[in-house]
Amino acid sequence: ERGYALPLKILRDTHENFIDEIRVFLEKYDKLGAKINKYIQYVEKEWR
């Protein structure tokens, strides 16, 4: 299981009838997390 923030896990687990809509948020959360991680890696590499 991915490391979703607790509010996203609660939403996913308590509103199964809206899973398609919630999945959109989870996908966006994954993309944002990937961008943040990429930026952190860039900063760590370039600013040493």
N, C-alpha and C. Protein backbone atom coordinates (compact mmCIF):
# COMPACT_ATOMS: atom_id res chain seq x y z
N GLU A 1 0.85 -1.19 0.00
CA GLU A 1 0.00 0.00 0.00
C GLU A 1 0.89 1.24 0.00
N ARG A 2 0.48 2.21 -0.75
CA ARG A 2 1.24 3.45 -0.82
C ARG A 2 1.09 4.23 0.48
N GLY A 3 1.97 5.18 0.65
CA GLY A 3 1.98 5.97 1.88
C GLY A 3 1.06 7.17 1.82
N TYR A 4 -0.20 6.94 1.57
CA TYR A 4 -1.14 8.06 1.50
C TYR A 4 -1.28 8.71 2.87
N ALA A 5 -1.55 10.00 2.84
CA ALA A 5 -1.82 10.73 4.07
C ALA A 5 -3.07 10.16 4.73
N LEU A 6 -3.12 10.23 6.03
CA LEU A 6 -4.23 9.66 6.78
C LEU A 6 -5.60 10.13 6.28
N PRO A 7 -5.80 11.43 6.01
CA PRO A 7 -7.14 11.83 5.53
C PRO A 7 -7.53 11.14 4.22
N LEU A 8 -6.55 10.89 3.34
CA LEU A 8 -6.87 10.19 2.10
C LEU A 8 -7.22 8.73 2.36
N LYS A 9 -6.54 8.11 3.31
CA LYS A 9 -6.87 6.73 3.67
C LYS A 9 -8.27 6.64 4.25
N ILE A 10 -8.60 7.59 5.12
CA ILE A 10 -9.93 7.60 5.73
C ILE A 10 -11.00 7.78 4.66
N LEU A 11 -10.76 8.71 3.75
CA LEU A 11 -11.71 8.96 2.66
C LEU A 11 -11.91 7.68 1.84
N ARG A 12 -10.80 7.05 1.47
CA ARG A 12 -10.86 5.83 0.66
C ARG A 12 -11.60 4.72 1.38
N ASP A 13 -11.33 4.57 2.67
CA ASP A 13 -11.89 3.45 3.43
C ASP A 13 -13.34 3.66 3.87
N THR A 14 -13.79 4.90 3.94
CA THR A 14 -15.14 5.16 4.45
C THR A 14 -16.14 5.56 3.38
N HIS A 15 -15.67 5.80 2.17
CA HIS A 15 -16.57 6.24 1.10
C HIS A 15 -16.37 5.39 -0.15
N GLU A 16 -16.50 4.10 0.03
CA GLU A 16 -16.26 3.17 -1.08
C GLU A 16 -17.18 3.42 -2.26
N ASN A 17 -18.35 3.99 -2.01
CA ASN A 17 -19.28 4.25 -3.11
C ASN A 17 -18.78 5.40 -4.00
N PHE A 18 -17.75 6.12 -3.56
CA PHE A 18 -17.17 7.19 -4.36
C PHE A 18 -15.74 6.86 -4.78
N ILE A 19 -15.42 5.57 -4.84
CA ILE A 19 -14.03 5.16 -5.07
C ILE A 19 -13.47 5.70 -6.37
N ASP A 20 -14.27 5.81 -7.42
CA ASP A 20 -13.75 6.34 -8.69
C ASP A 20 -13.31 7.79 -8.54
N GLU A 21 -14.11 8.58 -7.84
CA GLU A 21 -13.76 9.98 -7.62
C GLU A 21 -12.55 10.10 -6.69
N ILE A 22 -12.51 9.26 -5.67
CA ILE A 22 -11.40 9.29 -4.72
C ILE A 22 -10.11 8.86 -5.41
N ARG A 23 -10.22 7.91 -6.31
CA ARG A 23 -9.04 7.44 -7.04
C ARG A 23 -8.36 8.59 -7.78
N VAL A 24 -9.14 9.54 -8.29
CA VAL A 24 -8.58 10.71 -8.96
C VAL A 24 -7.68 11.48 -7.99
N PHE A 25 -8.15 11.68 -6.76
CA PHE A 25 -7.34 12.38 -5.76
C PHE A 25 -6.07 11.59 -5.42
N LEU A 26 -6.20 10.28 -5.31
CA LEU A 26 -5.05 9.45 -4.98
C LEU A 26 -4.00 9.52 -6.09
N GLU A 27 -4.44 9.51 -7.34
CA GLU A 27 -3.51 9.62 -8.46
C GLU A 27 -2.81 10.98 -8.46
N LYS A 28 -3.56 12.04 -8.20
CA LYS A 28 -2.96 13.38 -8.13
C LYS A 28 -1.98 13.47 -6.97
N TYR A 29 -2.32 12.85 -5.86
CA TYR A 29 -1.44 12.83 -4.69
C TYR A 29 -0.13 12.12 -5.03
N ASP A 30 -0.23 11.00 -5.75
CA ASP A 30 0.97 10.27 -6.17
C ASP A 30 1.85 11.13 -7.08
N LYS A 31 1.22 11.80 -8.04
CA LYS A 31 1.99 12.65 -8.97
C LYS A 31 2.67 13.80 -8.24
N LEU A 32 1.95 14.43 -7.33
CA LEU A 32 2.53 15.52 -6.56
C LEU A 32 3.69 15.01 -5.70
N GLY A 33 3.50 13.87 -5.07
CA GLY A 33 4.56 13.28 -4.25
C GLY A 33 5.80 12.97 -5.07
N ALA A 34 5.62 12.47 -6.29
CA ALA A 34 6.75 12.17 -7.16
C ALA A 34 7.49 13.45 -7.53
N LYS A 35 6.75 14.52 -7.81
CA LYS A 35 7.39 15.80 -8.14
C LYS A 35 8.17 16.35 -6.96
N ILE A 36 7.59 16.26 -5.78
CA ILE A 36 8.27 16.74 -4.57
C ILE A 36 9.54 15.93 -4.33
N ASN A 37 9.46 14.61 -4.46
CA ASN A 37 10.64 13.77 -4.26
C ASN A 37 11.72 14.07 -5.28
N LYS A 38 11.32 14.29 -6.52
CA LYS A 38 12.29 14.62 -7.57
C LYS A 38 12.99 15.95 -7.24
N TYR A 39 12.23 16.92 -6.78
CA TYR A 39 12.80 18.21 -6.42
C TYR A 39 13.77 18.07 -5.24
N ILE A 40 13.39 17.30 -4.24
CA ILE A 40 14.27 17.07 -3.08
C ILE A 40 15.57 16.42 -3.53
N GLN A 41 15.48 15.43 -4.41
CA GLN A 41 16.69 14.77 -4.91
C GLN A 41 17.57 15.76 -5.66
N TYR A 42 16.97 16.62 -6.46
CA TYR A 42 17.73 17.63 -7.20
C TYR A 42 18.45 18.56 -6.22
N VAL A 43 17.73 19.05 -5.23
CA VAL A 43 18.33 19.98 -4.25
C VAL A 43 19.47 19.29 -3.50
N GLU A 44 19.25 18.06 -3.07
CA GLU A 44 20.29 17.35 -2.34
C GLU A 44 21.52 17.14 -3.21
N LYS A 45 21.33 16.86 -4.48
CA LYS A 45 22.45 16.61 -5.38
C LYS A 45 23.19 17.90 -5.72
N GLU A 46 22.46 18.96 -6.02
CA GLU A 46 23.07 20.19 -6.53
C GLU A 46 23.58 21.14 -5.45
N TRP A 47 23.12 20.99 -4.24
CA TRP A 47 23.47 21.96 -3.21
C TRP A 47 24.41 21.40 -2.15
N ARG A 48 25.16 20.40 -2.50
CA ARG A 48 26.14 19.84 -1.54
C ARG A 48 27.47 20.52 -1.70
